[in-house]
Amino acid sequence: MADYELPSGVYFNEKLKVEDRKQVGEFVDFLADGLLRQNKDSAILAVGSSTFPESHWKTREKLNKSPENKLKLKLDLNYQDIDLRIIPAKPCPVWELEKALGQVLKNGRYDFSQKTTTTLGARIVTSYSDLGKAPCTWVDFSYGLHCITTNLKNKTPIDLILDFVDNPELPSAEERIAFERRNNYAFSVLYIPQILRE
C-alpha cells in the first residue's frame, strides 16, 4: 500500500462526512452492480480532496489564519464534492465505458451530465504565492478529461472520472491502480472487479 493509499474502512469512517458515508457506500454498490450487468465490470477508486491527508487540511487552515494572507482568502477546510475514478477491469475504448455508465445512471434515475474535463486535483505542495503576497494551496494535475457529473441522493456532487488523458483506450484496472501507487497519489480502492479477486 502506498503512503497516501487509504484502506476503504478508513476512507468511509474517517475521511467522509457522516452524511455522505452511507450514501457513497450505496452509490458504489449501485455502480459496481450496474456496470457488471452492462458487461463493464470496473474498479472504483475514491480520489480527490475526500482522500487528502489531514496535513493538507491543516496547512489550509494555517494559510487562512496567516497574516501573509493579505487578500483574506478563505480556503475550504473539507471536500466540497466526491471524485470517483471508474476503471474497467479490461482495457476498452473510453466511449464504451461512458455509454455503459450513462445507461447505469439512467436506469437508476440519476440526472447526470457528461463533461470533457473536470476540476483539477492536487499532488500536495505547501503553498502558492500570488505576487508574493497571499499564500494558498495550489493544484498541479488534472483528474480527468472524461467525466460524468451527478449527485448523491443527499445532493452531494459527485464526479465519475474515466480518464485523465485523452486516450482512445482506457488502461486496465490493474494497470491504473499500479500507476496510482507508483505516483503516490491519495486514493482508496472502494470496489475491485471480480476478475482481479480470483
N, C-alpha and C. Protein backbone atom coordinates (compact mmCIF):
# COMPACT_ATOMS: atom_id res chain seq x y z
N MET A 1 0.84 -1.18 0.00
CA MET A 1 0.00 0.00 0.00
C MET A 1 0.89 1.25 0.00
N ALA A 2 0.62 2.19 -0.90
CA ALA A 2 1.39 3.44 -0.99
C ALA A 2 1.09 4.33 0.21
N ASP A 3 1.96 5.32 0.44
CA ASP A 3 1.82 6.20 1.60
C ASP A 3 0.45 6.85 1.72
N TYR A 4 -0.11 7.30 0.60
CA TYR A 4 -1.39 8.02 0.64
C TYR A 4 -2.57 7.15 0.23
N GLU A 5 -2.36 5.86 0.05
CA GLU A 5 -3.48 4.96 -0.25
C GLU A 5 -4.20 4.64 1.05
N LEU A 6 -5.50 4.83 1.06
CA LEU A 6 -6.31 4.60 2.26
C LEU A 6 -7.06 3.29 2.16
N PRO A 7 -7.05 2.47 3.23
CA PRO A 7 -7.96 1.32 3.24
C PRO A 7 -9.40 1.85 3.16
N SER A 8 -10.29 1.11 2.52
CA SER A 8 -11.65 1.62 2.33
C SER A 8 -12.35 1.90 3.66
N GLY A 9 -12.09 1.11 4.69
CA GLY A 9 -12.70 1.36 6.00
C GLY A 9 -12.30 2.70 6.58
N VAL A 10 -11.03 3.06 6.42
CA VAL A 10 -10.55 4.37 6.89
C VAL A 10 -11.21 5.47 6.07
N TYR A 11 -11.31 5.28 4.77
CA TYR A 11 -11.94 6.29 3.91
C TYR A 11 -13.39 6.54 4.36
N PHE A 12 -14.16 5.47 4.52
CA PHE A 12 -15.57 5.65 4.89
C PHE A 12 -15.73 6.21 6.31
N ASN A 13 -14.94 5.74 7.25
CA ASN A 13 -15.15 6.10 8.65
C ASN A 13 -14.42 7.37 9.10
N GLU A 14 -13.34 7.74 8.40
CA GLU A 14 -12.57 8.88 8.87
C GLU A 14 -12.51 10.04 7.88
N LYS A 15 -12.63 9.76 6.59
CA LYS A 15 -12.49 10.83 5.60
C LYS A 15 -13.83 11.43 5.16
N LEU A 16 -14.84 10.59 5.04
CA LEU A 16 -16.14 11.08 4.58
C LEU A 16 -16.91 11.76 5.69
N LYS A 17 -17.67 12.80 5.32
CA LYS A 17 -18.59 13.43 6.26
C LYS A 17 -19.64 12.40 6.64
N VAL A 18 -20.15 12.48 7.85
CA VAL A 18 -21.12 11.50 8.35
C VAL A 18 -22.30 11.35 7.39
N GLU A 19 -22.79 12.48 6.86
CA GLU A 19 -23.97 12.44 5.99
C GLU A 19 -23.68 11.79 4.64
N ASP A 20 -22.41 11.61 4.28
CA ASP A 20 -22.05 11.01 2.99
C ASP A 20 -21.71 9.52 3.08
N ARG A 21 -21.41 9.02 4.25
CA ARG A 21 -20.89 7.65 4.38
C ARG A 21 -21.82 6.60 3.78
N LYS A 22 -23.05 6.56 4.23
CA LYS A 22 -23.99 5.55 3.74
C LYS A 22 -24.29 5.79 2.27
N GLN A 23 -24.47 7.06 1.89
CA GLN A 23 -24.80 7.42 0.51
C GLN A 23 -23.71 6.96 -0.47
N VAL A 24 -22.45 7.20 -0.12
CA VAL A 24 -21.35 6.81 -1.00
C VAL A 24 -21.27 5.29 -1.10
N GLY A 25 -21.40 4.60 0.04
CA GLY A 25 -21.37 3.14 0.02
C GLY A 25 -22.45 2.55 -0.87
N GLU A 26 -23.67 3.06 -0.75
CA GLU A 26 -24.77 2.57 -1.58
C GLU A 26 -24.55 2.90 -3.06
N PHE A 27 -24.00 4.09 -3.33
CA PHE A 27 -23.76 4.51 -4.71
C PHE A 27 -22.68 3.64 -5.36
N VAL A 28 -21.62 3.35 -4.62
CA VAL A 28 -20.55 2.49 -5.14
C VAL A 28 -21.11 1.10 -5.45
N ASP A 29 -21.91 0.54 -4.54
CA ASP A 29 -22.54 -0.76 -4.79
C ASP A 29 -23.43 -0.72 -6.03
N PHE A 30 -24.20 0.35 -6.15
CA PHE A 30 -25.09 0.54 -7.30
C PHE A 30 -24.29 0.58 -8.61
N LEU A 31 -23.22 1.38 -8.63
CA LEU A 31 -22.38 1.48 -9.84
C LEU A 31 -21.73 0.14 -10.18
N ALA A 32 -21.14 -0.50 -9.18
CA ALA A 32 -20.45 -1.77 -9.42
C ALA A 32 -21.41 -2.81 -10.00
N ASP A 33 -22.59 -2.93 -9.40
CA ASP A 33 -23.58 -3.89 -9.88
C ASP A 33 -24.07 -3.53 -11.28
N GLY A 34 -24.35 -2.25 -11.50
CA GLY A 34 -24.84 -1.81 -12.81
C GLY A 34 -23.82 -2.01 -13.91
N LEU A 35 -22.56 -1.68 -13.64
CA LEU A 35 -21.52 -1.87 -14.65
C LEU A 35 -21.29 -3.35 -14.95
N LEU A 36 -21.38 -4.18 -13.92
CA LEU A 36 -21.24 -5.62 -14.13
C LEU A 36 -22.36 -6.12 -15.06
N ARG A 37 -23.58 -5.63 -14.85
CA ARG A 37 -24.72 -6.01 -15.70
C ARG A 37 -24.55 -5.50 -17.14
N GLN A 38 -23.78 -4.43 -17.32
CA GLN A 38 -23.51 -3.89 -18.65
C GLN A 38 -22.26 -4.52 -19.27
N ASN A 39 -21.74 -5.58 -18.62
CA ASN A 39 -20.52 -6.25 -19.07
C ASN A 39 -19.31 -5.32 -19.08
N LYS A 40 -19.27 -4.39 -18.12
CA LYS A 40 -18.14 -3.46 -17.98
C LYS A 40 -17.70 -3.44 -16.51
N ASP A 41 -17.47 -4.62 -15.94
CA ASP A 41 -17.01 -4.70 -14.55
C ASP A 41 -15.81 -3.79 -14.38
N SER A 42 -15.85 -2.92 -13.39
CA SER A 42 -14.83 -1.88 -13.24
C SER A 42 -14.43 -1.68 -11.80
N ALA A 43 -13.17 -1.31 -11.59
CA ALA A 43 -12.71 -0.89 -10.27
C ALA A 43 -13.27 0.50 -10.01
N ILE A 44 -13.52 0.80 -8.74
CA ILE A 44 -13.99 2.13 -8.35
C ILE A 44 -13.06 2.63 -7.26
N LEU A 45 -12.40 3.75 -7.54
CA LEU A 45 -11.46 4.35 -6.59
C LEU A 45 -11.97 5.72 -6.16
N ALA A 46 -11.87 6.01 -4.88
CA ALA A 46 -12.07 7.38 -4.42
C ALA A 46 -10.76 8.11 -4.66
N VAL A 47 -10.85 9.29 -5.25
CA VAL A 47 -9.68 10.14 -5.49
C VAL A 47 -10.07 11.56 -5.10
N GLY A 48 -9.16 12.48 -5.22
CA GLY A 48 -9.50 13.87 -4.99
C GLY A 48 -9.50 14.27 -3.53
N SER A 49 -10.10 15.40 -3.26
CA SER A 49 -9.99 16.03 -1.94
C SER A 49 -10.56 15.20 -0.80
N SER A 50 -11.51 14.32 -1.07
CA SER A 50 -12.06 13.49 0.01
C SER A 50 -11.05 12.44 0.50
N THR A 51 -9.93 12.29 -0.23
CA THR A 51 -8.90 11.33 0.19
C THR A 51 -7.64 12.00 0.72
N PHE A 52 -7.58 13.33 0.67
CA PHE A 52 -6.35 14.03 1.05
C PHE A 52 -5.99 13.80 2.50
N PRO A 53 -4.69 13.75 2.81
CA PRO A 53 -4.25 13.55 4.20
C PRO A 53 -4.61 14.75 5.07
N GLU A 54 -4.70 14.51 6.36
CA GLU A 54 -5.05 15.56 7.32
C GLU A 54 -4.08 16.74 7.23
N SER A 55 -2.83 16.48 6.91
CA SER A 55 -1.83 17.56 6.81
C SER A 55 -2.24 18.60 5.76
N HIS A 56 -2.91 18.17 4.69
CA HIS A 56 -3.38 19.09 3.66
C HIS A 56 -4.35 20.11 4.25
N TRP A 57 -5.32 19.61 5.02
CA TRP A 57 -6.35 20.48 5.59
C TRP A 57 -5.77 21.38 6.68
N LYS A 58 -4.82 20.87 7.45
CA LYS A 58 -4.18 21.69 8.48
C LYS A 58 -3.38 22.83 7.85
N THR A 59 -2.71 22.54 6.73
CA THR A 59 -1.96 23.58 6.02
C THR A 59 -2.92 24.66 5.53
N ARG A 60 -4.04 24.25 5.00
CA ARG A 60 -5.03 25.22 4.51
C ARG A 60 -5.57 26.08 5.67
N GLU A 61 -5.80 25.45 6.81
CA GLU A 61 -6.28 26.19 7.97
C GLU A 61 -5.25 27.24 8.42
N LYS A 62 -3.97 26.84 8.43
CA LYS A 62 -2.91 27.79 8.78
C LYS A 62 -2.85 28.94 7.79
N LEU A 63 -3.00 28.61 6.51
CA LEU A 63 -2.97 29.65 5.49
C LEU A 63 -4.14 30.63 5.66
N ASN A 64 -5.31 30.12 6.03
CA ASN A 64 -6.46 31.00 6.28
C ASN A 64 -6.16 32.00 7.40
N LYS A 65 -5.43 31.55 8.41
CA LYS A 65 -5.15 32.38 9.59
C LYS A 65 -3.87 33.20 9.45
N SER A 66 -3.09 32.96 8.43
CA SER A 66 -1.78 33.59 8.28
C SER A 66 -1.90 35.09 8.06
N PRO A 67 -1.03 35.88 8.73
CA PRO A 67 -1.01 37.32 8.47
C PRO A 67 -0.55 37.64 7.04
N GLU A 68 0.11 36.68 6.39
CA GLU A 68 0.53 36.84 5.00
C GLU A 68 -0.65 36.80 4.03
N ASN A 69 -1.80 36.34 4.51
CA ASN A 69 -3.00 36.20 3.68
C ASN A 69 -3.67 37.57 3.55
N LYS A 70 -3.02 38.48 2.85
CA LYS A 70 -3.49 39.86 2.73
C LYS A 70 -4.82 39.97 1.97
N LEU A 71 -5.08 39.02 1.09
CA LEU A 71 -6.33 39.05 0.33
C LEU A 71 -7.48 38.41 1.10
N LYS A 72 -7.19 37.92 2.28
CA LYS A 72 -8.20 37.28 3.15
C LYS A 72 -8.90 36.12 2.44
N LEU A 73 -8.10 35.33 1.72
CA LEU A 73 -8.65 34.15 1.07
C LEU A 73 -9.16 33.18 2.12
N LYS A 74 -10.30 32.57 1.86
CA LYS A 74 -10.85 31.56 2.76
C LYS A 74 -10.87 30.24 2.00
N LEU A 75 -9.89 29.41 2.30
CA LEU A 75 -9.79 28.11 1.65
C LEU A 75 -10.72 27.13 2.34
N ASP A 76 -11.38 26.29 1.55
CA ASP A 76 -12.23 25.25 2.14
C ASP A 76 -11.40 24.35 3.02
N LEU A 77 -12.00 23.90 4.13
CA LEU A 77 -11.30 23.03 5.07
C LEU A 77 -11.82 21.60 5.03
N ASN A 78 -12.58 21.29 4.01
CA ASN A 78 -13.05 19.93 3.78
C ASN A 78 -13.44 19.82 2.31
N TYR A 79 -13.64 18.59 1.85
CA TYR A 79 -14.01 18.40 0.45
C TYR A 79 -15.40 19.00 0.17
N GLN A 80 -15.60 19.43 -1.07
CA GLN A 80 -16.88 20.00 -1.49
C GLN A 80 -17.65 19.07 -2.43
N ASP A 81 -16.95 18.11 -3.00
CA ASP A 81 -17.58 17.09 -3.83
C ASP A 81 -16.77 15.80 -3.69
N ILE A 82 -17.27 14.75 -4.26
CA ILE A 82 -16.59 13.45 -4.18
C ILE A 82 -16.22 13.04 -5.60
N ASP A 83 -14.98 12.60 -5.75
CA ASP A 83 -14.47 12.16 -7.05
C ASP A 83 -14.24 10.65 -7.00
N LEU A 84 -14.86 9.94 -7.93
CA LEU A 84 -14.65 8.50 -8.05
C LEU A 84 -14.06 8.22 -9.43
N ARG A 85 -12.95 7.49 -9.45
CA ARG A 85 -12.34 7.08 -10.72
C ARG A 85 -12.91 5.69 -11.05
N ILE A 86 -13.45 5.56 -12.26
CA ILE A 86 -14.04 4.31 -12.74
C ILE A 86 -13.06 3.72 -13.76
N ILE A 87 -12.57 2.52 -13.48
CA ILE A 87 -11.54 1.91 -14.33
C ILE A 87 -11.99 0.50 -14.74
N PRO A 88 -12.11 0.26 -16.04
CA PRO A 88 -12.57 -1.07 -16.48
C PRO A 88 -11.58 -2.17 -16.09
N ALA A 89 -12.13 -3.35 -15.80
CA ALA A 89 -11.28 -4.49 -15.45
C ALA A 89 -10.32 -4.81 -16.60
N LYS A 90 -10.82 -4.70 -17.82
CA LYS A 90 -10.01 -4.96 -19.01
C LYS A 90 -9.99 -3.69 -19.85
N PRO A 91 -8.88 -3.43 -20.56
CA PRO A 91 -8.82 -2.23 -21.41
C PRO A 91 -10.00 -2.18 -22.38
N CYS A 92 -10.53 -0.97 -22.58
CA CYS A 92 -11.63 -0.79 -23.53
C CYS A 92 -11.63 0.67 -23.98
N PRO A 93 -12.27 0.96 -25.11
CA PRO A 93 -12.39 2.35 -25.55
C PRO A 93 -13.16 3.18 -24.53
N VAL A 94 -12.75 4.41 -24.33
CA VAL A 94 -13.38 5.26 -23.32
C VAL A 94 -14.87 5.46 -23.60
N TRP A 95 -15.24 5.55 -24.88
CA TRP A 95 -16.65 5.78 -25.21
C TRP A 95 -17.53 4.61 -24.78
N GLU A 96 -16.97 3.38 -24.78
CA GLU A 96 -17.77 2.22 -24.34
C GLU A 96 -18.10 2.32 -22.85
N LEU A 97 -17.12 2.72 -22.06
CA LEU A 97 -17.36 2.86 -20.63
C LEU A 97 -18.29 4.04 -20.35
N GLU A 98 -18.13 5.14 -21.08
CA GLU A 98 -19.03 6.30 -20.93
C GLU A 98 -20.47 5.90 -21.22
N LYS A 99 -20.66 5.15 -22.28
CA LYS A 99 -22.00 4.72 -22.67
C LYS A 99 -22.61 3.80 -21.61
N ALA A 100 -21.82 2.83 -21.14
CA ALA A 100 -22.32 1.89 -20.12
C ALA A 100 -22.65 2.63 -18.82
N LEU A 101 -21.79 3.54 -18.42
CA LEU A 101 -22.01 4.29 -17.18
C LEU A 101 -23.25 5.18 -17.31
N GLY A 102 -23.43 5.80 -18.47
CA GLY A 102 -24.63 6.61 -18.70
C GLY A 102 -25.89 5.77 -18.59
N GLN A 103 -25.85 4.55 -19.13
CA GLN A 103 -27.02 3.66 -19.05
C GLN A 103 -27.31 3.25 -17.61
N VAL A 104 -26.26 2.97 -16.85
CA VAL A 104 -26.43 2.61 -15.43
C VAL A 104 -27.10 3.76 -14.68
N LEU A 105 -26.64 4.98 -14.91
CA LEU A 105 -27.22 6.14 -14.22
C LEU A 105 -28.66 6.38 -14.66
N LYS A 106 -28.94 6.23 -15.95
CA LYS A 106 -30.33 6.36 -16.43
C LYS A 106 -31.23 5.33 -15.76
N ASN A 107 -30.75 4.09 -15.70
CA ASN A 107 -31.54 3.02 -15.07
C ASN A 107 -31.83 3.33 -13.60
N GLY A 108 -30.90 4.01 -12.94
CA GLY A 108 -31.09 4.37 -11.54
C GLY A 108 -31.78 5.70 -11.34
N ARG A 109 -32.22 6.32 -12.45
CA ARG A 109 -32.93 7.61 -12.42
C ARG A 109 -32.10 8.74 -11.82
N TYR A 110 -30.81 8.72 -12.13
CA TYR A 110 -29.92 9.80 -11.73
C TYR A 110 -29.84 10.81 -12.86
N ASP A 111 -29.97 12.10 -12.54
CA ASP A 111 -29.68 13.14 -13.51
C ASP A 111 -28.16 13.24 -13.60
N PHE A 112 -27.65 13.41 -14.82
CA PHE A 112 -26.19 13.50 -14.96
C PHE A 112 -25.85 14.28 -16.21
N SER A 113 -24.62 14.75 -16.24
CA SER A 113 -24.11 15.42 -17.44
C SER A 113 -22.71 14.90 -17.71
N GLN A 114 -22.38 14.82 -18.99
CA GLN A 114 -21.05 14.38 -19.39
C GLN A 114 -20.21 15.60 -19.68
N LYS A 115 -18.96 15.55 -19.24
CA LYS A 115 -18.03 16.65 -19.46
C LYS A 115 -16.82 16.12 -20.20
N THR A 116 -16.12 17.03 -20.84
CA THR A 116 -14.85 16.64 -21.45
C THR A 116 -13.69 16.99 -20.53
N THR A 117 -13.98 17.65 -19.42
CA THR A 117 -12.93 17.92 -18.43
C THR A 117 -13.58 18.04 -17.06
N THR A 118 -12.80 17.90 -16.04
CA THR A 118 -13.30 18.06 -14.68
C THR A 118 -12.33 18.92 -13.89
N THR A 119 -12.69 19.20 -12.66
CA THR A 119 -11.88 20.08 -11.83
C THR A 119 -10.49 19.49 -11.60
N LEU A 120 -9.57 20.35 -11.27
CA LEU A 120 -8.21 19.92 -11.01
C LEU A 120 -8.06 19.35 -9.62
N GLY A 121 -7.13 18.46 -9.46
CA GLY A 121 -6.81 17.89 -8.16
C GLY A 121 -5.43 18.32 -7.74
N ALA A 122 -4.91 17.71 -6.71
CA ALA A 122 -3.62 18.19 -6.22
C ALA A 122 -2.70 17.08 -5.80
N ARG A 123 -1.47 17.16 -6.26
CA ARG A 123 -0.38 16.47 -5.61
C ARG A 123 0.16 17.55 -4.70
N ILE A 124 0.13 17.37 -3.43
CA ILE A 124 0.16 18.48 -2.49
C ILE A 124 1.49 19.22 -2.47
N VAL A 125 1.39 20.53 -2.62
CA VAL A 125 2.51 21.43 -2.44
C VAL A 125 2.14 22.35 -1.28
N THR A 126 3.12 22.90 -0.60
CA THR A 126 2.81 23.61 0.64
C THR A 126 2.09 24.93 0.42
N SER A 127 2.47 25.70 -0.57
CA SER A 127 1.78 26.97 -0.77
C SER A 127 2.07 27.55 -2.14
N TYR A 128 1.26 28.50 -2.51
CA TYR A 128 1.43 29.23 -3.75
C TYR A 128 1.28 30.70 -3.41
N SER A 129 2.13 31.52 -3.93
CA SER A 129 2.10 32.94 -3.60
C SER A 129 1.61 33.75 -4.78
N ASP A 130 0.55 34.49 -4.60
CA ASP A 130 0.01 35.36 -5.62
C ASP A 130 0.76 36.69 -5.54
N LEU A 131 1.68 36.89 -6.46
CA LEU A 131 2.55 38.07 -6.46
C LEU A 131 3.33 38.19 -5.15
N GLY A 132 3.61 37.08 -4.52
CA GLY A 132 4.40 37.07 -3.30
C GLY A 132 3.65 37.55 -2.07
N LYS A 133 2.34 37.72 -2.14
CA LYS A 133 1.60 38.31 -1.03
C LYS A 133 0.64 37.35 -0.33
N ALA A 134 -0.08 36.53 -1.07
CA ALA A 134 -1.15 35.74 -0.46
C ALA A 134 -0.93 34.25 -0.68
N PRO A 135 -0.53 33.53 0.34
CA PRO A 135 -0.30 32.09 0.16
C PRO A 135 -1.62 31.32 0.10
N CYS A 136 -1.63 30.30 -0.69
CA CYS A 136 -2.77 29.38 -0.70
C CYS A 136 -2.30 28.06 -1.29
N THR A 137 -3.02 26.99 -1.01
CA THR A 137 -2.64 25.71 -1.61
C THR A 137 -2.93 25.77 -3.10
N TRP A 138 -2.23 24.96 -3.86
CA TRP A 138 -2.36 25.01 -5.31
C TRP A 138 -2.51 23.61 -5.85
N VAL A 139 -2.85 23.51 -7.10
CA VAL A 139 -3.08 22.22 -7.73
C VAL A 139 -2.13 22.06 -8.91
N ASP A 140 -1.79 20.80 -9.21
CA ASP A 140 -0.86 20.66 -10.33
C ASP A 140 -1.13 19.48 -11.25
N PHE A 141 -2.28 18.84 -11.14
CA PHE A 141 -2.62 17.86 -12.18
C PHE A 141 -4.13 17.69 -12.28
N SER A 142 -4.57 17.27 -13.45
CA SER A 142 -6.00 17.13 -13.70
C SER A 142 -6.46 15.73 -13.32
N TYR A 143 -7.67 15.62 -12.80
CA TYR A 143 -8.24 14.31 -12.50
C TYR A 143 -8.91 13.68 -13.71
N GLY A 144 -9.33 14.47 -14.67
CA GLY A 144 -10.00 13.80 -15.76
C GLY A 144 -10.37 14.67 -16.92
N LEU A 145 -10.24 14.12 -18.12
CA LEU A 145 -10.77 14.74 -19.32
C LEU A 145 -12.13 14.16 -19.65
N HIS A 146 -12.37 12.94 -19.25
CA HIS A 146 -13.66 12.28 -19.49
C HIS A 146 -14.33 12.09 -18.13
N CYS A 147 -15.44 12.78 -17.94
CA CYS A 147 -16.06 12.82 -16.62
C CYS A 147 -17.58 12.89 -16.75
N ILE A 148 -18.26 12.23 -15.85
CA ILE A 148 -19.72 12.32 -15.74
C ILE A 148 -20.03 12.86 -14.36
N THR A 149 -20.86 13.88 -14.29
CA THR A 149 -21.20 14.52 -13.03
C THR A 149 -22.64 14.23 -12.67
N THR A 150 -22.85 13.89 -11.40
CA THR A 150 -24.19 13.64 -10.88
C THR A 150 -24.20 14.05 -9.42
N ASN A 151 -25.25 13.71 -8.71
CA ASN A 151 -25.35 14.00 -7.27
C ASN A 151 -25.78 12.74 -6.54
N LEU A 152 -25.28 12.60 -5.33
CA LEU A 152 -25.81 11.56 -4.46
C LEU A 152 -27.25 11.93 -4.10
N LYS A 153 -27.99 11.01 -3.52
CA LYS A 153 -29.38 11.29 -3.14
C LYS A 153 -29.47 12.45 -2.15
N ASN A 154 -28.40 12.67 -1.36
CA ASN A 154 -28.41 13.78 -0.40
C ASN A 154 -27.90 15.08 -1.03
N LYS A 155 -27.72 15.09 -2.36
CA LYS A 155 -27.32 16.26 -3.16
C LYS A 155 -25.82 16.56 -3.13
N THR A 156 -25.00 15.75 -2.47
CA THR A 156 -23.54 15.95 -2.56
C THR A 156 -23.11 15.70 -4.00
N PRO A 157 -22.42 16.67 -4.63
CA PRO A 157 -21.96 16.48 -6.01
C PRO A 157 -20.93 15.35 -6.10
N ILE A 158 -20.98 14.63 -7.20
CA ILE A 158 -20.04 13.53 -7.40
C ILE A 158 -19.58 13.52 -8.85
N ASP A 159 -18.27 13.43 -9.05
CA ASP A 159 -17.68 13.32 -10.39
C ASP A 159 -17.22 11.89 -10.60
N LEU A 160 -17.63 11.32 -11.71
CA LEU A 160 -17.20 9.97 -12.09
C LEU A 160 -16.17 10.15 -13.20
N ILE A 161 -14.92 9.90 -12.88
CA ILE A 161 -13.81 10.21 -13.76
C ILE A 161 -13.36 8.93 -14.48
N LEU A 162 -13.31 9.02 -15.80
CA LEU A 162 -12.96 7.83 -16.59
C LEU A 162 -11.49 7.83 -17.00
N ASP A 163 -10.95 8.98 -17.35
CA ASP A 163 -9.53 9.02 -17.67
C ASP A 163 -9.04 10.44 -17.56
N PHE A 164 -7.74 10.60 -17.34
CA PHE A 164 -7.19 11.94 -17.16
C PHE A 164 -6.35 12.39 -18.34
N VAL A 165 -6.29 11.57 -19.36
CA VAL A 165 -5.69 11.98 -20.63
C VAL A 165 -6.64 11.53 -21.73
N ASP A 166 -6.46 12.04 -22.92
CA ASP A 166 -7.38 11.71 -24.00
C ASP A 166 -6.92 10.45 -24.72
N ASN A 167 -7.01 9.33 -24.02
CA ASN A 167 -6.63 8.04 -24.59
C ASN A 167 -7.80 7.46 -25.37
N PRO A 168 -7.55 6.87 -26.51
CA PRO A 168 -8.64 6.19 -27.21
C PRO A 168 -9.06 4.93 -26.46
N GLU A 169 -8.11 4.32 -25.72
CA GLU A 169 -8.43 3.11 -24.97
C GLU A 169 -7.98 3.28 -23.52
N LEU A 170 -8.86 2.92 -22.60
CA LEU A 170 -8.55 3.04 -21.17
C LEU A 170 -7.64 1.90 -20.73
N PRO A 171 -6.75 2.15 -19.78
CA PRO A 171 -5.92 1.05 -19.24
C PRO A 171 -6.79 0.13 -18.38
N SER A 172 -6.25 -1.03 -18.06
CA SER A 172 -6.99 -1.95 -17.18
C SER A 172 -6.94 -1.43 -15.75
N ALA A 173 -7.84 -1.95 -14.92
CA ALA A 173 -7.89 -1.56 -13.51
C ALA A 173 -6.56 -1.87 -12.83
N GLU A 174 -6.01 -3.02 -13.13
CA GLU A 174 -4.74 -3.41 -12.51
C GLU A 174 -3.62 -2.42 -12.85
N GLU A 175 -3.55 -2.00 -14.13
CA GLU A 175 -2.53 -1.04 -14.57
C GLU A 175 -2.74 0.33 -13.91
N ARG A 176 -4.00 0.76 -13.83
CA ARG A 176 -4.28 2.09 -13.29
C ARG A 176 -4.01 2.15 -11.79
N ILE A 177 -4.38 1.11 -11.06
CA ILE A 177 -4.12 1.08 -9.61
C ILE A 177 -2.61 1.09 -9.36
N ALA A 178 -1.87 0.33 -10.17
CA ALA A 178 -0.40 0.33 -10.04
C ALA A 178 0.16 1.73 -10.30
N PHE A 179 -0.41 2.44 -11.27
CA PHE A 179 0.02 3.81 -11.59
C PHE A 179 -0.23 4.74 -10.40
N GLU A 180 -1.40 4.64 -9.79
CA GLU A 180 -1.73 5.48 -8.63
C GLU A 180 -0.73 5.22 -7.50
N ARG A 181 -0.43 3.95 -7.26
CA ARG A 181 0.52 3.59 -6.19
C ARG A 181 1.93 4.09 -6.50
N ARG A 182 2.37 3.88 -7.73
CA ARG A 182 3.72 4.26 -8.13
C ARG A 182 3.93 5.77 -7.99
N ASN A 183 2.89 6.55 -8.26
CA ASN A 183 2.98 8.01 -8.19
C ASN A 183 2.57 8.58 -6.83
N ASN A 184 2.26 7.69 -5.90
CA ASN A 184 1.92 8.08 -4.52
C ASN A 184 0.77 9.09 -4.46
N TYR A 185 -0.26 8.85 -5.28
CA TYR A 185 -1.45 9.69 -5.24
C TYR A 185 -2.33 9.27 -4.05
N ALA A 186 -3.09 10.20 -3.55
CA ALA A 186 -4.06 9.90 -2.49
C ALA A 186 -5.27 9.24 -3.15
N PHE A 187 -5.61 8.03 -2.71
CA PHE A 187 -6.78 7.31 -3.25
C PHE A 187 -7.17 6.19 -2.32
N SER A 188 -8.35 5.64 -2.57
CA SER A 188 -8.83 4.48 -1.82
C SER A 188 -9.58 3.56 -2.78
N VAL A 189 -9.24 2.28 -2.77
CA VAL A 189 -9.94 1.31 -3.62
C VAL A 189 -11.25 0.94 -2.91
N LEU A 190 -12.38 1.29 -3.53
CA LEU A 190 -13.69 1.02 -2.95
C LEU A 190 -14.34 -0.23 -3.50
N TYR A 191 -13.96 -0.60 -4.73
CA TYR A 191 -14.51 -1.82 -5.34
C TYR A 191 -13.46 -2.38 -6.29
N ILE A 192 -13.24 -3.68 -6.20
CA ILE A 192 -12.31 -4.39 -7.09
C ILE A 192 -13.14 -5.31 -8.01
N PRO A 193 -12.89 -5.27 -9.31
CA PRO A 193 -13.63 -6.15 -10.23
C PRO A 193 -13.42 -7.63 -9.88
N GLN A 194 -14.43 -8.43 -10.18
CA GLN A 194 -14.38 -9.86 -9.86
C GLN A 194 -13.15 -10.54 -10.44
N ILE A 195 -12.78 -10.18 -11.65
CA ILE A 195 -11.65 -10.83 -12.32
C ILE A 195 -10.35 -10.64 -11.54
N LEU A 196 -10.21 -9.52 -10.82
CA LEU A 196 -9.00 -9.26 -10.06
C LEU A 196 -9.04 -9.90 -8.68
N ARG A 197 -10.20 -10.39 -8.29
CA ARG A 197 -10.33 -11.07 -6.99
C ARG A 197 -10.08 -12.58 -7.10
N GLU A 198 -10.03 -13.09 -8.31
CA GLU A 198 -9.88 -14.53 -8.50
C GLU A 198 -8.43 -14.97 -8.37
